[in-house]
């Protein structure tokens, strides 16, 4: 009786490694462009919550603009926010979108909206 030993190879081939590495690189580049917009959204939400302390629409927008200058917010300004009153509370709401250029004619559009608590 002769025994034949078969060597089983396991793992990725070089081509598979290149494909997986390429996908990870593309995902990382896109993620690195999305993270700053998410951080800016959090700053806008914080500014909206601070702005609702104003007593008039002009004061609310002024407070928002001052908070925007401190946090370096460029996507939205005080004139872009909506100020309403629900009961006795002032509510500041906003909506905007950001576009991230991917390649050629391709863009990734992110739509953000929120309101003060």
Protein backbone atom coordinates (compact mmCIF):
# COMPACT_ATOMS: atom_id res chain seq x y z
CA UNK A 1 0.00 0.00 0.00
CA UNK A 2 1.28 3.34 -0.95
CA UNK A 3 0.14 6.45 0.75
CA UNK A 4 -0.05 9.59 -1.24
CA UNK A 5 0.07 12.76 0.72
CA UNK A 6 -1.77 15.61 -0.76
CA UNK A 7 -0.75 19.05 0.21
CA UNK A 8 -3.79 21.21 0.73
CA UNK A 9 -3.26 24.88 0.29
CA UNK A 10 -5.42 27.21 2.24
CA UNK A 11 -5.76 30.94 2.16
CA UNK A 12 -5.98 33.63 -0.47
CA UNK A 13 -4.24 33.63 -3.78
CA UNK A 14 -2.19 36.66 -4.76
CA UNK A 15 -4.96 37.87 -7.04
CA UNK A 16 -7.51 37.45 -4.26
CA UNK A 17 -5.26 39.39 -1.91
CA UNK A 18 -5.06 42.25 -4.43
CA UNK A 19 -8.84 42.36 -4.82
CA UNK A 20 -9.45 42.35 -1.06
CA UNK A 21 -6.72 44.97 -0.54
CA UNK A 22 -8.20 47.17 -3.26
CA UNK A 23 -11.69 46.97 -1.77
CA UNK A 24 -10.33 47.83 1.67
CA UNK A 25 -8.41 50.79 0.23
CA UNK A 26 -11.47 52.17 -1.59
CA UNK A 27 -13.62 51.72 1.52
CA UNK A 28 -11.00 53.47 3.62
CA UNK A 29 -10.76 56.46 1.27
CA UNK A 30 -14.53 56.89 1.12
CA UNK A 31 -14.83 56.46 4.90
CA UNK A 32 -12.13 59.07 5.45
CA UNK A 33 -14.22 61.54 3.44
CA UNK A 34 -17.48 60.69 5.23
CA UNK A 35 -16.18 60.98 8.81
CA UNK A 36 -15.58 64.79 8.69
CA UNK A 37 -19.15 65.37 7.44
CA UNK A 38 -20.53 63.30 10.32
CA UNK A 39 -18.40 65.29 12.79
CA UNK A 40 -19.66 68.54 11.26
CA UNK A 41 -23.26 67.27 11.61
CA UNK A 42 -22.67 66.75 15.33
CA UNK A 43 -21.29 70.30 15.59
CA UNK A 44 -24.35 71.68 13.76
CA UNK A 45 -26.65 69.77 16.10
CA UNK A 46 -24.78 71.19 19.11
CA UNK A 47 -25.04 74.72 17.66
CA UNK A 48 -28.79 74.26 17.04
CA UNK A 49 -29.31 73.15 20.64
CA UNK A 50 -27.39 76.19 21.86
CA UNK A 51 -29.27 78.55 19.51
CA UNK A 52 -32.70 77.59 20.83
CA UNK A 53 -31.93 79.59 23.96
CA UNK A 54 -32.60 82.81 22.02
CA UNK A 55 -35.84 84.74 22.42
CA UNK A 56 -36.38 85.93 18.84
CA UNK A 57 -35.65 84.53 15.39
CA UNK A 58 -32.87 87.07 14.83
CA UNK A 59 -31.28 86.21 18.17
CA UNK A 60 -31.49 82.46 17.49
CA UNK A 61 -29.78 82.92 14.12
CA UNK A 62 -27.13 85.15 15.68
CA UNK A 63 -26.36 82.58 18.37
CA UNK A 64 -26.18 79.86 15.69
CA UNK A 65 -23.79 81.94 13.57
CA UNK A 66 -21.52 82.58 16.57
CA UNK A 67 -21.46 78.86 17.42
CA UNK A 68 -20.79 78.10 13.74
CA UNK A 69 -17.79 80.42 13.75
CA UNK A 70 -16.38 78.72 16.85
CA UNK A 71 -16.86 75.17 15.51
CA UNK A 72 -15.83 76.09 11.93
CA UNK A 73 -19.13 75.02 10.35
CA UNK A 74 -19.25 75.78 6.63
CA UNK A 75 -22.18 73.70 5.33
CA UNK A 76 -24.97 75.77 6.84
CA UNK A 77 -25.44 79.24 8.30
CA UNK A 78 -27.99 81.01 10.47
CA UNK A 79 -30.09 82.05 7.48
CA UNK A 80 -30.48 78.37 6.47
CA UNK A 81 -32.06 77.19 9.72
CA UNK A 82 -35.80 77.06 10.41
CA UNK A 83 -36.97 78.53 13.70
CA UNK A 84 -40.41 77.52 14.95
CA UNK A 85 -42.20 77.50 18.25
CA UNK A 86 -43.90 74.42 19.68
CA UNK A 87 -45.85 75.33 22.77
CA UNK A 88 -43.52 77.57 24.75
CA UNK A 89 -40.28 76.06 23.37
CA UNK A 90 -38.27 77.32 20.41
CA UNK A 91 -37.31 74.56 17.97
CA UNK A 92 -34.40 74.96 15.56
CA UNK A 93 -34.42 72.59 12.58
CA UNK A 94 -32.08 72.26 9.63
CA UNK A 95 -31.51 70.20 6.51
CA UNK A 96 -28.59 70.20 4.09
CA UNK A 97 -26.65 67.90 1.82
CA UNK A 98 -22.99 67.28 1.09
CA UNK A 99 -21.55 65.79 -2.06
CA UNK A 100 -18.34 63.78 -2.13
CA UNK A 101 -16.67 63.33 -5.51
CA UNK A 102 -15.79 59.69 -6.05
CA UNK A 103 -14.45 59.32 -9.60
CA UNK A 104 -15.33 60.74 -13.00
CA UNK A 105 -19.00 61.70 -12.99
CA UNK A 106 -19.72 59.76 -9.78
CA UNK A 107 -20.68 61.52 -6.55
CA UNK A 108 -21.81 60.31 -3.16
CA UNK A 109 -24.60 62.53 -1.83
CA UNK A 110 -25.16 62.66 1.93
CA UNK A 111 -28.37 64.26 3.19
CA UNK A 112 -28.44 65.48 6.77
CA UNK A 113 -31.36 66.87 8.75
CA UNK A 114 -32.02 67.45 12.39
CA UNK A 115 -33.67 69.58 15.01
CA UNK A 116 -32.95 70.82 18.47
CA UNK A 117 -34.08 68.83 21.47
